Amino acid sequence: MKVFFSITIFVFSFINSGAQRFHAGIAGGFANYNGDLLEKLYVNKQTNGFIGVTVHYELFDQLLLRGAFNFARVNGSDRYNTKT
């Protein structure tokens, strides 16, 4: 319980801070090909992971610099299509 409470306080301390000019974030998920090679919308054997990192820096109140890096490997093959 102490760990959960400590993490919650840590996260909300950044959200409520008004003087914070530097912001960083991470993203994750799944990447999959959806096109003319497949008849199904989602094929488990061709699904790969996705990861992303974002960085924002506030120069002024109205001007923000933003950078992002996203990496995903996408596969496509017609061997999972039963119509061919």
N, C-alpha and C. Protein backbone atom coordinates (compact mmCIF):
# COMPACT_ATOMS: atom_id res chain seq x y z
N MET A 1 0.82 -1.19 0.00
CA MET A 1 0.00 0.00 0.00
C MET A 1 0.87 1.26 0.00
N LYS A 2 1.99 1.21 0.71
CA LYS A 2 2.88 2.36 0.74
C LYS A 2 3.47 2.66 -0.63
N VAL A 3 3.77 1.60 -1.39
CA VAL A 3 4.33 1.79 -2.73
C VAL A 3 3.30 2.45 -3.64
N PHE A 4 2.06 1.98 -3.60
CA PHE A 4 1.00 2.57 -4.43
C PHE A 4 0.79 4.03 -4.07
N PHE A 5 0.75 4.34 -2.79
CA PHE A 5 0.56 5.71 -2.36
C PHE A 5 1.73 6.59 -2.79
N SER A 6 2.94 6.09 -2.69
CA SER A 6 4.13 6.86 -3.10
C SER A 6 4.13 7.13 -4.60
N ILE A 7 3.77 6.13 -5.39
CA ILE A 7 3.71 6.31 -6.85
C ILE A 7 2.64 7.31 -7.23
N THR A 8 1.48 7.23 -6.57
CA THR A 8 0.39 8.17 -6.86
C THR A 8 0.80 9.60 -6.54
N ILE A 9 1.42 9.82 -5.41
CA ILE A 9 1.89 11.17 -5.05
C ILE A 9 2.94 11.65 -6.04
N PHE A 10 3.84 10.77 -6.45
CA PHE A 10 4.89 11.12 -7.41
C PHE A 10 4.29 11.56 -8.74
N VAL A 11 3.32 10.82 -9.26
CA VAL A 11 2.70 11.14 -10.54
C VAL A 11 1.94 12.46 -10.46
N PHE A 12 1.13 12.65 -9.42
CA PHE A 12 0.34 13.87 -9.32
C PHE A 12 1.19 15.10 -8.99
N SER A 13 2.37 14.94 -8.46
CA SER A 13 3.24 16.08 -8.22
C SER A 13 3.70 16.70 -9.53
N PHE A 14 3.86 15.89 -10.57
CA PHE A 14 4.22 16.43 -11.88
C PHE A 14 3.02 17.07 -12.58
N ILE A 15 1.85 16.52 -12.40
CA ILE A 15 0.66 17.05 -13.06
C ILE A 15 0.31 18.43 -12.52
N ASN A 16 0.42 18.63 -11.23
CA ASN A 16 0.02 19.89 -10.61
C ASN A 16 1.10 20.96 -10.63
N SER A 17 2.28 20.63 -11.06
CA SER A 17 3.37 21.59 -11.08
C SER A 17 3.19 22.58 -12.22
N GLY A 18 3.08 23.86 -11.90
CA GLY A 18 2.87 24.88 -12.92
C GLY A 18 4.16 25.34 -13.59
N ALA A 19 5.30 25.12 -12.98
CA ALA A 19 6.56 25.60 -13.51
C ALA A 19 7.28 24.56 -14.35
N GLN A 20 6.64 23.48 -14.63
CA GLN A 20 7.26 22.39 -15.39
C GLN A 20 7.32 22.77 -16.87
N ARG A 21 8.51 22.88 -17.45
CA ARG A 21 8.66 23.23 -18.85
C ARG A 21 9.06 22.05 -19.71
N PHE A 22 9.53 21.00 -19.12
CA PHE A 22 9.99 19.82 -19.85
C PHE A 22 9.02 18.68 -19.60
N HIS A 23 8.55 18.05 -20.69
CA HIS A 23 7.60 16.94 -20.59
C HIS A 23 8.14 15.77 -21.40
N ALA A 24 8.04 14.58 -20.86
CA ALA A 24 8.47 13.38 -21.56
C ALA A 24 7.39 12.32 -21.41
N GLY A 25 7.25 11.49 -22.42
CA GLY A 25 6.26 10.44 -22.37
C GLY A 25 6.70 9.23 -23.16
N ILE A 26 6.10 8.10 -22.85
CA ILE A 26 6.36 6.86 -23.57
C ILE A 26 5.03 6.28 -24.03
N ALA A 27 5.10 5.50 -25.09
CA ALA A 27 3.91 4.84 -25.62
C ALA A 27 4.29 3.43 -26.02
N GLY A 28 3.33 2.57 -26.03
CA GLY A 28 3.57 1.20 -26.44
C GLY A 28 2.29 0.59 -26.97
N GLY A 29 2.44 -0.43 -27.77
CA GLY A 29 1.26 -1.06 -28.33
C GLY A 29 1.64 -2.14 -29.33
N PHE A 30 0.76 -2.35 -30.29
CA PHE A 30 0.95 -3.39 -31.29
C PHE A 30 0.88 -2.79 -32.68
N ALA A 31 1.64 -3.38 -33.61
CA ALA A 31 1.64 -2.95 -35.00
C ALA A 31 1.30 -4.16 -35.87
N ASN A 32 0.42 -3.95 -36.84
CA ASN A 32 -0.04 -5.04 -37.69
C ASN A 32 -0.35 -4.48 -39.07
N TYR A 33 -0.09 -5.26 -40.11
CA TYR A 33 -0.40 -4.86 -41.49
C TYR A 33 -1.87 -5.16 -41.77
N ASN A 34 -2.54 -4.21 -42.39
CA ASN A 34 -3.93 -4.39 -42.78
C ASN A 34 -4.06 -3.90 -44.21
N GLY A 35 -4.05 -4.84 -45.16
CA GLY A 35 -4.10 -4.43 -46.55
C GLY A 35 -4.63 -5.53 -47.43
N ASP A 36 -4.21 -5.54 -48.69
CA ASP A 36 -4.77 -6.46 -49.67
C ASP A 36 -4.19 -7.87 -49.58
N LEU A 37 -3.16 -8.10 -48.76
CA LEU A 37 -2.59 -9.44 -48.64
C LEU A 37 -3.38 -10.34 -47.71
N LEU A 38 -4.20 -9.77 -46.86
CA LEU A 38 -4.92 -10.56 -45.86
C LEU A 38 -6.42 -10.37 -46.00
N GLU A 39 -7.15 -11.42 -45.70
CA GLU A 39 -8.61 -11.32 -45.71
C GLU A 39 -9.16 -10.98 -44.33
N LYS A 40 -8.39 -11.27 -43.30
CA LYS A 40 -8.81 -10.95 -41.94
C LYS A 40 -8.22 -9.61 -41.51
N LEU A 41 -8.86 -9.00 -40.56
CA LEU A 41 -8.40 -7.70 -40.07
C LEU A 41 -7.16 -7.84 -39.20
N TYR A 42 -7.04 -8.95 -38.48
CA TYR A 42 -5.98 -9.09 -37.49
C TYR A 42 -5.42 -10.51 -37.53
N VAL A 43 -4.10 -10.63 -37.73
CA VAL A 43 -3.43 -11.93 -37.74
C VAL A 43 -2.40 -11.93 -36.61
N ASN A 44 -2.56 -12.83 -35.65
CA ASN A 44 -1.67 -12.87 -34.49
C ASN A 44 -0.22 -13.16 -34.86
N LYS A 45 0.01 -13.97 -35.87
CA LYS A 45 1.37 -14.39 -36.21
C LYS A 45 2.20 -13.26 -36.82
N GLN A 46 1.57 -12.22 -37.29
CA GLN A 46 2.29 -11.10 -37.90
C GLN A 46 2.28 -9.84 -37.04
N THR A 47 1.77 -9.92 -35.85
CA THR A 47 1.70 -8.76 -34.98
C THR A 47 3.02 -8.57 -34.24
N ASN A 48 3.51 -7.36 -34.24
CA ASN A 48 4.74 -7.00 -33.56
C ASN A 48 4.48 -5.87 -32.58
N GLY A 49 5.45 -5.61 -31.74
CA GLY A 49 5.32 -4.55 -30.76
C GLY A 49 5.63 -3.17 -31.33
N PHE A 50 5.18 -2.17 -30.63
CA PHE A 50 5.39 -0.77 -30.98
C PHE A 50 5.87 -0.05 -29.73
N ILE A 51 6.84 0.83 -29.89
CA ILE A 51 7.31 1.65 -28.77
C ILE A 51 7.57 3.06 -29.28
N GLY A 52 7.27 4.02 -28.45
CA GLY A 52 7.46 5.41 -28.83
C GLY A 52 7.88 6.26 -27.64
N VAL A 53 8.64 7.31 -27.92
CA VAL A 53 9.11 8.25 -26.91
C VAL A 53 8.80 9.66 -27.41
N THR A 54 8.24 10.49 -26.56
CA THR A 54 7.97 11.88 -26.92
C THR A 54 8.62 12.81 -25.91
N VAL A 55 9.05 13.95 -26.41
CA VAL A 55 9.67 14.97 -25.56
C VAL A 55 9.10 16.32 -25.98
N HIS A 56 8.67 17.10 -25.02
CA HIS A 56 8.16 18.45 -25.26
C HIS A 56 8.95 19.42 -24.38
N TYR A 57 9.25 20.57 -24.93
CA TYR A 57 9.89 21.61 -24.14
C TYR A 57 9.21 22.94 -24.44
N GLU A 58 8.74 23.60 -23.41
CA GLU A 58 8.05 24.88 -23.58
C GLU A 58 9.07 26.01 -23.60
N LEU A 59 9.22 26.65 -24.75
CA LEU A 59 10.10 27.81 -24.84
C LEU A 59 9.44 29.02 -24.19
N PHE A 60 8.19 29.26 -24.56
CA PHE A 60 7.37 30.32 -24.00
C PHE A 60 6.00 29.73 -23.70
N ASP A 61 5.10 30.52 -23.19
CA ASP A 61 3.75 30.02 -22.91
C ASP A 61 3.01 29.62 -24.18
N GLN A 62 3.31 30.27 -25.29
CA GLN A 62 2.62 29.98 -26.55
C GLN A 62 3.46 29.18 -27.53
N LEU A 63 4.71 28.84 -27.21
CA LEU A 63 5.59 28.15 -28.14
C LEU A 63 6.16 26.89 -27.49
N LEU A 64 5.98 25.77 -28.17
CA LEU A 64 6.40 24.48 -27.65
C LEU A 64 7.20 23.75 -28.71
N LEU A 65 8.36 23.23 -28.35
CA LEU A 65 9.13 22.36 -29.23
C LEU A 65 8.78 20.92 -28.90
N ARG A 66 8.55 20.13 -29.92
CA ARG A 66 8.13 18.75 -29.69
C ARG A 66 8.93 17.82 -30.58
N GLY A 67 9.37 16.72 -30.02
CA GLY A 67 10.07 15.70 -30.77
C GLY A 67 9.53 14.33 -30.38
N ALA A 68 9.56 13.42 -31.33
CA ALA A 68 9.04 12.08 -31.07
C ALA A 68 9.84 11.06 -31.87
N PHE A 69 9.99 9.89 -31.30
CA PHE A 69 10.59 8.76 -31.99
C PHE A 69 9.69 7.56 -31.76
N ASN A 70 9.24 6.96 -32.86
CA ASN A 70 8.39 5.78 -32.80
C ASN A 70 9.03 4.66 -33.60
N PHE A 71 8.97 3.46 -33.07
CA PHE A 71 9.54 2.31 -33.75
C PHE A 71 8.51 1.19 -33.76
N ALA A 72 8.26 0.67 -34.96
CA ALA A 72 7.35 -0.48 -35.13
C ALA A 72 7.82 -1.29 -36.32
N ARG A 73 7.77 -2.57 -36.21
CA ARG A 73 8.09 -3.46 -37.32
C ARG A 73 6.78 -4.04 -37.83
N VAL A 74 6.51 -3.82 -39.12
CA VAL A 74 5.26 -4.27 -39.73
C VAL A 74 5.57 -5.37 -40.74
N ASN A 75 4.86 -6.48 -40.65
CA ASN A 75 5.03 -7.61 -41.56
C ASN A 75 3.77 -7.78 -42.40
N GLY A 76 3.96 -8.27 -43.62
CA GLY A 76 2.84 -8.61 -44.49
C GLY A 76 3.18 -9.81 -45.33
N SER A 77 2.32 -10.80 -45.33
CA SER A 77 2.55 -12.00 -46.11
C SER A 77 1.20 -12.60 -46.50
N ASP A 78 1.12 -13.12 -47.72
CA ASP A 78 -0.15 -13.73 -48.15
C ASP A 78 -0.23 -15.20 -47.80
N ARG A 79 0.69 -15.76 -47.08
CA ARG A 79 0.61 -17.19 -46.74
C ARG A 79 -0.48 -17.46 -45.70
N TYR A 80 -0.95 -16.47 -44.98
CA TYR A 80 -2.04 -16.63 -44.03
C TYR A 80 -3.40 -16.38 -44.66
N ASN A 81 -3.43 -16.05 -45.95
CA ASN A 81 -4.67 -15.83 -46.67
C ASN A 81 -5.14 -17.17 -47.24
N THR A 82 -6.35 -17.57 -46.94
CA THR A 82 -6.87 -18.86 -47.40
C THR A 82 -7.43 -18.79 -48.82
N LYS A 83 -7.63 -17.61 -49.35
CA LYS A 83 -8.22 -17.47 -50.70
C LYS A 83 -7.18 -17.67 -51.81
N THR A 84 -5.90 -17.61 -51.51
CA THR A 84 -4.89 -17.75 -52.56
C THR A 84 -4.36 -19.15 -52.62
